[in-house]
Structures are given as structure tokens and as C-alpha cells.
Amino acid sequence: MTLRISLSTSTVLCTFRLFKNDFNFPTYLDCVPMTIRVAFTKLRLSSHPLRVETGRNASNTTPYNERYCLICNSIDLEDEYHFLLICNMYTDIRRKYINTYYYKTPSVLKFIDLVQSTDATVLNNLCKYVYETFEKRVNVVNVVNM
């Protein structure tokens, strides 16, 4: 019982718990080329460079609710939801790959629906989006840190 309580209150993998509630094999692993699939897998498993994760590092610990997006300088938490549907730095890439339905009036339910999709076209586009935005983010962060 204690393990279940600690898992439900932990900030680690909190986004993953939103959309992964079974042990089924994820569709995207079969229909998306590995070159772009890896970026999406990292996003799903919280093995990514977003502040929601990097802020927990021992050398740079930031309180969870203060891990703001440094890319768009908003006071939004830079988490997977913000990264996929909100951050204005990625608007051009988002328009290219993600259906307007998801980001025009974003919600957690739409976010979950998008990430849980089993449609091969949606998944390929989502993985391309994540891949390109991670690439763009690296370049932006390098410029910000100079």
C-alpha cells in the first residue's frame, strides 16, 4: 500500500501515468521509423531535457512548481504537455505535424488522446514533431546559455 501511495504522489513519470494505464505494446513502436521514434520514447519515459526533469538534478535542484519554460520565457511549467501543445517557440513545427484540434484549445484530455493515438499517421507526425522540436530546443538552449 505504501508503494502505491508513493507512486501516485511522486513527480517522477507523472505524465507517463496519465496515458499509460495498461501493459499493451505501444502502436508507435511498430509503425514509426527508429530514427524519430527514439525522441518520442524519451519524451514518454521522461528521459528528456525538459525542465520538469532537469530541475530535479542534485546540482541544479529547482522546486517542481518553479521549473518554468526557459525557451518561451513563460511562467508555464516546461513539461511534456507544454512542450507538445503550448510553447510558442515550436508553433511552426506544431502546425506542420499536429492537427489544430489538439493545440487550438489545448487540454489534458486532448494531450492524452494525442499521445495514446493508435493511428499510424498521427503517430508518425507526432514523432517527427518531437524529433524536430528537440533538435530546435538544443540550438535555442545553446544560444541562451552563451
N, C-alpha and C. Protein backbone atom coordinates (compact mmCIF):
# COMPACT_ATOMS: atom_id res chain seq x y z
N MET A 1 0.81 -1.19 0.00
CA MET A 1 0.00 0.00 0.00
C MET A 1 0.86 1.26 0.00
N THR A 2 1.95 1.26 0.74
CA THR A 2 2.82 2.42 0.80
C THR A 2 3.45 2.72 -0.56
N LEU A 3 3.84 1.67 -1.29
CA LEU A 3 4.41 1.85 -2.62
C LEU A 3 3.40 2.50 -3.55
N ARG A 4 2.15 2.06 -3.51
CA ARG A 4 1.12 2.63 -4.38
C ARG A 4 0.91 4.11 -4.06
N ILE A 5 0.90 4.47 -2.80
CA ILE A 5 0.72 5.87 -2.40
C ILE A 5 1.91 6.69 -2.87
N SER A 6 3.13 6.19 -2.69
CA SER A 6 4.30 6.95 -3.10
C SER A 6 4.36 7.11 -4.62
N LEU A 7 3.93 6.12 -5.38
CA LEU A 7 3.89 6.24 -6.83
C LEU A 7 2.86 7.26 -7.28
N SER A 8 1.74 7.31 -6.61
CA SER A 8 0.68 8.24 -7.02
C SER A 8 1.01 9.69 -6.66
N THR A 9 1.89 9.92 -5.72
CA THR A 9 2.24 11.28 -5.33
C THR A 9 3.60 11.73 -5.87
N SER A 10 4.36 10.83 -6.45
CA SER A 10 5.68 11.15 -6.97
C SER A 10 5.56 12.00 -8.23
N THR A 11 6.49 12.94 -8.41
CA THR A 11 6.51 13.75 -9.63
C THR A 11 7.27 13.05 -10.76
N VAL A 12 7.95 11.98 -10.46
CA VAL A 12 8.67 11.22 -11.48
C VAL A 12 7.66 10.43 -12.31
N LEU A 13 7.76 10.55 -13.60
CA LEU A 13 6.88 9.86 -14.54
C LEU A 13 5.40 10.20 -14.36
N CYS A 14 5.10 11.38 -13.84
CA CYS A 14 3.70 11.73 -13.63
C CYS A 14 2.93 11.84 -14.94
N THR A 15 3.57 12.32 -15.99
CA THR A 15 2.90 12.40 -17.29
C THR A 15 2.68 11.01 -17.86
N PHE A 16 3.66 10.15 -17.72
CA PHE A 16 3.54 8.77 -18.21
C PHE A 16 2.33 8.08 -17.59
N ARG A 17 2.10 8.31 -16.31
CA ARG A 17 0.96 7.69 -15.63
C ARG A 17 -0.38 8.17 -16.18
N LEU A 18 -0.40 9.35 -16.80
CA LEU A 18 -1.64 9.86 -17.37
C LEU A 18 -2.12 9.02 -18.55
N PHE A 19 -1.20 8.61 -19.38
CA PHE A 19 -1.63 7.94 -20.61
C PHE A 19 -1.26 6.47 -20.71
N LYS A 20 -0.46 5.96 -19.82
CA LYS A 20 -0.09 4.54 -19.88
C LYS A 20 -0.73 3.83 -18.69
N ASN A 21 -1.87 3.21 -18.94
CA ASN A 21 -2.59 2.56 -17.85
C ASN A 21 -2.81 1.06 -18.10
N ASP A 22 -2.04 0.52 -19.04
CA ASP A 22 -2.13 -0.91 -19.31
C ASP A 22 -0.75 -1.42 -19.73
N PHE A 23 -0.66 -2.71 -19.99
CA PHE A 23 0.62 -3.29 -20.38
C PHE A 23 0.64 -3.69 -21.85
N ASN A 24 -0.19 -3.05 -22.66
CA ASN A 24 -0.21 -3.33 -24.09
C ASN A 24 1.01 -2.76 -24.78
N PHE A 25 1.39 -3.40 -25.86
CA PHE A 25 2.53 -2.95 -26.66
C PHE A 25 2.14 -1.66 -27.38
N PRO A 26 2.90 -0.57 -27.21
CA PRO A 26 2.55 0.70 -27.86
C PRO A 26 2.64 0.60 -29.39
N THR A 27 1.60 1.08 -30.05
CA THR A 27 1.49 1.01 -31.51
C THR A 27 2.66 1.69 -32.21
N TYR A 28 3.11 2.81 -31.68
CA TYR A 28 4.14 3.59 -32.37
C TYR A 28 5.45 2.81 -32.55
N LEU A 29 5.69 1.82 -31.71
CA LEU A 29 6.93 1.04 -31.82
C LEU A 29 6.97 0.21 -33.11
N ASP A 30 5.81 -0.09 -33.66
CA ASP A 30 5.75 -0.86 -34.91
C ASP A 30 5.66 -0.01 -36.17
N CYS A 31 5.13 1.19 -36.06
CA CYS A 31 4.82 1.94 -37.28
C CYS A 31 5.66 3.19 -37.51
N VAL A 32 6.56 3.49 -36.60
CA VAL A 32 7.37 4.71 -36.73
C VAL A 32 8.84 4.31 -36.88
N PRO A 33 9.54 4.91 -37.86
CA PRO A 33 10.96 4.61 -38.04
C PRO A 33 11.77 4.92 -36.77
N MET A 34 12.75 4.10 -36.50
CA MET A 34 13.52 4.22 -35.27
C MET A 34 14.19 5.58 -35.12
N THR A 35 14.62 6.19 -36.20
CA THR A 35 15.33 7.46 -36.11
C THR A 35 14.51 8.54 -35.41
N ILE A 36 13.20 8.55 -35.63
CA ILE A 36 12.35 9.55 -34.97
C ILE A 36 11.62 8.97 -33.76
N ARG A 37 11.50 7.68 -33.70
CA ARG A 37 10.81 7.01 -32.59
C ARG A 37 11.54 7.20 -31.27
N VAL A 38 12.85 7.23 -31.30
CA VAL A 38 13.66 7.35 -30.09
C VAL A 38 13.32 8.63 -29.32
N ALA A 39 13.17 9.73 -30.03
CA ALA A 39 12.84 11.01 -29.38
C ALA A 39 11.50 10.92 -28.66
N PHE A 40 10.52 10.31 -29.29
CA PHE A 40 9.19 10.18 -28.67
C PHE A 40 9.25 9.24 -27.47
N THR A 41 10.03 8.19 -27.58
CA THR A 41 10.19 7.27 -26.44
C THR A 41 10.80 8.00 -25.25
N LYS A 42 11.80 8.83 -25.51
CA LYS A 42 12.41 9.61 -24.42
C LYS A 42 11.39 10.54 -23.78
N LEU A 43 10.55 11.14 -24.61
CA LEU A 43 9.52 12.03 -24.07
C LEU A 43 8.54 11.25 -23.19
N ARG A 44 8.11 10.10 -23.67
CA ARG A 44 7.15 9.28 -22.91
C ARG A 44 7.72 8.80 -21.58
N LEU A 45 9.01 8.51 -21.56
CA LEU A 45 9.64 7.94 -20.36
C LEU A 45 10.32 8.99 -19.48
N SER A 46 10.09 10.25 -19.77
CA SER A 46 10.68 11.36 -19.01
C SER A 46 12.21 11.31 -18.99
N SER A 47 12.78 10.86 -20.08
CA SER A 47 14.23 10.82 -20.23
C SER A 47 14.62 11.90 -21.25
N HIS A 48 14.21 13.10 -20.98
CA HIS A 48 14.34 14.21 -21.91
C HIS A 48 14.93 15.44 -21.22
N PRO A 49 15.28 16.47 -22.00
CA PRO A 49 15.92 17.65 -21.42
C PRO A 49 14.97 18.74 -20.95
N LEU A 50 13.69 18.46 -20.83
CA LEU A 50 12.75 19.49 -20.38
C LEU A 50 12.97 19.80 -18.90
N ARG A 51 12.69 21.03 -18.51
CA ARG A 51 12.97 21.48 -17.15
C ARG A 51 12.25 20.67 -16.08
N VAL A 52 11.11 20.10 -16.42
CA VAL A 52 10.39 19.29 -15.44
C VAL A 52 11.27 18.14 -14.94
N GLU A 53 12.20 17.68 -15.78
CA GLU A 53 13.13 16.62 -15.40
C GLU A 53 14.50 17.16 -14.98
N THR A 54 15.04 18.08 -15.76
CA THR A 54 16.39 18.56 -15.44
C THR A 54 16.42 19.35 -14.14
N GLY A 55 15.29 19.88 -13.72
CA GLY A 55 15.22 20.63 -12.48
C GLY A 55 15.36 19.78 -11.23
N ARG A 56 15.30 18.48 -11.39
CA ARG A 56 15.44 17.59 -10.23
C ARG A 56 16.89 17.18 -9.99
N ASN A 57 17.80 17.56 -10.90
CA ASN A 57 19.21 17.20 -10.74
C ASN A 57 19.78 17.76 -9.45
N ALA A 58 20.59 16.97 -8.80
CA ALA A 58 21.16 17.36 -7.50
C ALA A 58 21.93 18.67 -7.57
N SER A 59 22.64 18.90 -8.67
CA SER A 59 23.44 20.11 -8.78
C SER A 59 22.60 21.34 -9.12
N ASN A 60 21.38 21.13 -9.57
CA ASN A 60 20.54 22.24 -10.01
C ASN A 60 19.09 22.02 -9.57
N THR A 61 18.89 21.62 -8.34
CA THR A 61 17.54 21.31 -7.89
C THR A 61 16.68 22.57 -7.86
N THR A 62 15.56 22.48 -8.54
CA THR A 62 14.59 23.56 -8.60
C THR A 62 13.26 22.99 -8.12
N PRO A 63 12.55 23.70 -7.26
CA PRO A 63 11.23 23.19 -6.84
C PRO A 63 10.37 22.88 -8.07
N TYR A 64 9.62 21.81 -8.00
CA TYR A 64 8.84 21.33 -9.13
C TYR A 64 8.00 22.44 -9.76
N ASN A 65 7.30 23.20 -8.96
CA ASN A 65 6.40 24.23 -9.49
C ASN A 65 7.13 25.47 -10.01
N GLU A 66 8.47 25.47 -9.97
CA GLU A 66 9.26 26.59 -10.49
C GLU A 66 10.11 26.20 -11.70
N ARG A 67 9.85 25.07 -12.27
CA ARG A 67 10.62 24.61 -13.44
C ARG A 67 10.01 25.18 -14.72
N TYR A 68 10.07 26.50 -14.82
CA TYR A 68 9.45 27.23 -15.91
C TYR A 68 10.17 26.99 -17.24
N CYS A 69 9.43 27.22 -18.29
CA CYS A 69 9.99 27.09 -19.64
C CYS A 69 10.94 28.25 -19.91
N LEU A 70 12.19 27.95 -20.16
CA LEU A 70 13.18 28.97 -20.48
C LEU A 70 13.20 29.30 -21.97
N ILE A 71 12.53 28.47 -22.74
CA ILE A 71 12.53 28.65 -24.19
C ILE A 71 11.59 29.78 -24.60
N CYS A 72 10.39 29.81 -24.01
CA CYS A 72 9.43 30.86 -24.36
C CYS A 72 9.29 31.91 -23.27
N ASN A 73 10.09 31.78 -22.20
CA ASN A 73 10.09 32.74 -21.09
C ASN A 73 8.71 32.96 -20.48
N SER A 74 7.92 31.91 -20.42
CA SER A 74 6.62 32.00 -19.78
C SER A 74 6.74 31.49 -18.34
N ILE A 75 5.69 31.61 -17.61
CA ILE A 75 5.69 31.05 -16.26
C ILE A 75 4.96 29.70 -16.25
N ASP A 76 4.96 29.06 -17.41
CA ASP A 76 4.41 27.71 -17.52
C ASP A 76 5.49 26.70 -17.16
N LEU A 77 5.08 25.65 -16.50
CA LEU A 77 5.97 24.54 -16.22
C LEU A 77 6.39 23.92 -17.55
N GLU A 78 7.69 23.74 -17.77
CA GLU A 78 8.13 23.13 -19.02
C GLU A 78 8.05 21.61 -18.86
N ASP A 79 6.85 21.11 -19.10
CA ASP A 79 6.62 19.67 -19.04
C ASP A 79 6.21 19.19 -20.43
N GLU A 80 5.87 17.94 -20.53
CA GLU A 80 5.53 17.34 -21.82
C GLU A 80 4.31 18.00 -22.45
N TYR A 81 3.33 18.34 -21.65
CA TYR A 81 2.12 19.00 -22.13
C TYR A 81 2.46 20.35 -22.75
N HIS A 82 3.20 21.16 -22.02
CA HIS A 82 3.61 22.48 -22.51
C HIS A 82 4.44 22.33 -23.79
N PHE A 83 5.36 21.39 -23.77
CA PHE A 83 6.25 21.15 -24.90
C PHE A 83 5.48 20.76 -26.16
N LEU A 84 4.50 19.88 -26.03
CA LEU A 84 3.75 19.41 -27.20
C LEU A 84 2.71 20.41 -27.70
N LEU A 85 2.00 21.05 -26.79
CA LEU A 85 0.81 21.79 -27.21
C LEU A 85 0.82 23.30 -26.95
N ILE A 86 1.74 23.81 -26.16
CA ILE A 86 1.66 25.20 -25.74
C ILE A 86 2.82 26.09 -26.19
N CYS A 87 4.04 25.67 -25.97
CA CYS A 87 5.22 26.52 -26.14
C CYS A 87 5.23 27.20 -27.51
N ASN A 88 5.28 28.54 -27.49
CA ASN A 88 5.20 29.28 -28.75
C ASN A 88 6.47 29.21 -29.59
N MET A 89 7.55 28.70 -29.04
CA MET A 89 8.79 28.54 -29.81
C MET A 89 8.63 27.47 -30.90
N TYR A 90 7.70 26.57 -30.71
CA TYR A 90 7.54 25.44 -31.64
C TYR A 90 6.28 25.55 -32.49
N THR A 91 5.66 26.71 -32.54
CA THR A 91 4.40 26.88 -33.26
C THR A 91 4.50 26.45 -34.71
N ASP A 92 5.58 26.83 -35.39
CA ASP A 92 5.73 26.49 -36.80
C ASP A 92 5.82 24.97 -37.01
N ILE A 93 6.54 24.30 -36.15
CA ILE A 93 6.68 22.84 -36.27
C ILE A 93 5.36 22.17 -35.88
N ARG A 94 4.72 22.70 -34.86
CA ARG A 94 3.43 22.16 -34.40
C ARG A 94 2.40 22.21 -35.53
N ARG A 95 2.33 23.34 -36.22
CA ARG A 95 1.37 23.50 -37.33
C ARG A 95 1.64 22.49 -38.45
N LYS A 96 2.90 22.17 -38.62
CA LYS A 96 3.31 21.25 -39.68
C LYS A 96 2.89 19.81 -39.39
N TYR A 97 2.91 19.41 -38.12
CA TYR A 97 2.73 17.99 -37.79
C TYR A 97 1.51 17.63 -36.94
N ILE A 98 0.97 18.58 -36.20
CA ILE A 98 -0.10 18.23 -35.26
C ILE A 98 -1.40 18.90 -35.68
N ASN A 99 -2.47 18.13 -35.64
CA ASN A 99 -3.79 18.62 -36.00
C ASN A 99 -4.19 19.78 -35.08
N THR A 100 -4.76 20.81 -35.67
CA THR A 100 -5.19 22.00 -34.94
C THR A 100 -6.09 21.68 -33.75
N TYR A 101 -6.88 20.64 -33.88
CA TYR A 101 -7.78 20.23 -32.80
C TYR A 101 -7.06 20.12 -31.46
N TYR A 102 -5.85 19.63 -31.46
CA TYR A 102 -5.12 19.39 -30.22
C TYR A 102 -4.56 20.66 -29.58
N TYR A 103 -4.11 21.61 -30.38
CA TYR A 103 -3.43 22.76 -29.79
C TYR A 103 -4.19 24.08 -29.85
N LYS A 104 -5.28 24.16 -30.60
CA LYS A 104 -6.02 25.42 -30.67
C LYS A 104 -6.61 25.77 -29.30
N THR A 105 -7.27 24.84 -28.69
CA THR A 105 -7.75 24.99 -27.31
C THR A 105 -7.27 23.74 -26.57
N PRO A 106 -6.01 23.73 -26.17
CA PRO A 106 -5.43 22.52 -25.59
C PRO A 106 -6.04 22.17 -24.23
N SER A 107 -6.02 20.88 -23.95
CA SER A 107 -6.46 20.38 -22.65
C SER A 107 -5.69 19.10 -22.36
N VAL A 108 -5.69 18.70 -21.12
CA VAL A 108 -5.01 17.46 -20.74
C VAL A 108 -5.67 16.28 -21.44
N LEU A 109 -6.98 16.31 -21.60
CA LEU A 109 -7.67 15.21 -22.29
C LEU A 109 -7.23 15.10 -23.74
N LYS A 110 -7.05 16.23 -24.41
CA LYS A 110 -6.57 16.21 -25.80
C LYS A 110 -5.13 15.73 -25.85
N PHE A 111 -4.34 16.16 -24.89
CA PHE A 111 -2.94 15.71 -24.79
C PHE A 111 -2.89 14.19 -24.67
N ILE A 112 -3.67 13.65 -23.77
CA ILE A 112 -3.71 12.19 -23.57
C ILE A 112 -4.19 11.50 -24.83
N ASP A 113 -5.22 12.04 -25.45
CA ASP A 113 -5.75 11.47 -26.70
C ASP A 113 -4.67 11.44 -27.78
N LEU A 114 -3.90 12.50 -27.89
CA LEU A 114 -2.84 12.58 -28.89
C LEU A 114 -1.74 11.55 -28.61
N VAL A 115 -1.27 11.50 -27.40
CA VAL A 115 -0.17 10.61 -27.04
C VAL A 115 -0.59 9.15 -27.06
N GLN A 116 -1.87 8.86 -26.82
CA GLN A 116 -2.37 7.48 -26.85
C GLN A 116 -2.84 7.04 -28.22
N SER A 117 -2.75 7.88 -29.20
CA SER A 117 -3.25 7.55 -30.54
C SER A 117 -2.68 6.23 -31.05
N THR A 118 -3.50 5.53 -31.81
CA THR A 118 -3.04 4.30 -32.46
C THR A 118 -3.02 4.47 -33.98
N ASP A 119 -3.33 5.67 -34.44
CA ASP A 119 -3.33 5.98 -35.87
C ASP A 119 -1.88 6.18 -36.33
N ALA A 120 -1.45 5.41 -37.30
CA ALA A 120 -0.05 5.44 -37.76
C ALA A 120 0.37 6.81 -38.27
N THR A 121 -0.51 7.51 -38.97
CA THR A 121 -0.17 8.84 -39.49
C THR A 121 0.01 9.84 -38.35
N VAL A 122 -0.91 9.81 -37.41
CA VAL A 122 -0.82 10.71 -36.25
C VAL A 122 0.46 10.42 -35.48
N LEU A 123 0.77 9.15 -35.27
CA LEU A 123 1.97 8.78 -34.52
C LEU A 123 3.25 9.18 -35.24
N ASN A 124 3.30 8.96 -36.54
CA ASN A 124 4.47 9.38 -37.32
C ASN A 124 4.67 10.89 -37.24
N ASN A 125 3.59 11.63 -37.39
CA ASN A 125 3.69 13.09 -37.32
C ASN A 125 4.07 13.55 -35.92
N LEU A 126 3.52 12.92 -34.91
CA LEU A 126 3.87 13.28 -33.54
C LEU A 126 5.35 13.02 -33.27
N CYS A 127 5.84 11.89 -33.72
CA CYS A 127 7.26 11.56 -33.53
C CYS A 127 8.16 12.52 -34.29
N LYS A 128 7.75 12.93 -35.50
CA LYS A 128 8.51 13.91 -36.26
C LYS A 128 8.53 15.24 -35.52
N TYR A 129 7.39 15.62 -34.97
CA TYR A 129 7.31 16.86 -34.20
C TYR A 129 8.28 16.82 -33.02
N VAL A 130 8.24 15.76 -32.24
CA VAL A 130 9.11 15.65 -31.07
C VAL A 130 10.58 15.67 -31.49
N TYR A 131 10.91 14.94 -32.53
CA TYR A 131 12.29 14.90 -33.02
C TYR A 131 12.77 16.30 -33.41
N GLU A 132 11.98 16.99 -34.23
CA GLU A 132 12.38 18.32 -34.71
C GLU A 132 12.42 19.35 -33.59
N THR A 133 11.48 19.28 -32.67
CA THR A 133 11.46 20.26 -31.58
C THR A 133 12.61 20.02 -30.60
N PHE A 134 12.97 18.78 -30.37
CA PHE A 134 14.15 18.52 -29.53
C PHE A 134 15.39 19.10 -30.20
N GLU A 135 15.51 18.93 -31.52
CA GLU A 135 16.65 19.50 -32.25
C GLU A 135 16.66 21.02 -32.14
N LYS A 136 15.51 21.63 -32.33
CA LYS A 136 15.41 23.10 -32.24
C LYS A 136 15.71 23.55 -30.81
N ARG A 137 15.21 22.82 -29.84
CA ARG A 137 15.42 23.19 -28.43
C ARG A 137 16.91 23.20 -28.08
N VAL A 138 17.64 22.20 -28.55
CA VAL A 138 19.09 22.14 -28.29
C VAL A 138 19.76 23.41 -28.81
N ASN A 139 19.42 23.82 -30.01
CA ASN A 139 20.02 25.02 -30.59
C ASN A 139 19.64 26.28 -29.82
N VAL A 140 18.39 26.39 -29.41
CA VAL A 140 17.93 27.56 -28.66
C VAL A 140 18.58 27.61 -27.29
N VAL A 141 18.65 26.48 -26.60
CA VAL A 141 19.27 26.43 -25.28
C VAL A 141 20.74 26.79 -25.35
N ASN A 142 21.42 26.33 -26.40
CA ASN A 142 22.84 26.67 -26.56
C ASN A 142 23.02 28.15 -26.74
N VAL A 143 22.13 28.83 -27.47
CA VAL A 143 22.21 30.27 -27.67
C VAL A 143 21.91 31.00 -26.36
N VAL A 144 20.90 30.54 -25.63
CA VAL A 144 20.52 31.15 -24.34
C VAL A 144 21.65 31.05 -23.33
N ASN A 145 22.36 29.93 -23.32
CA ASN A 145 23.43 29.71 -22.35
C ASN A 145 24.73 30.42 -22.69
N MET A 146 24.83 31.01 -23.87
CA MET A 146 26.08 31.70 -24.27
C MET A 146 26.20 33.04 -23.59
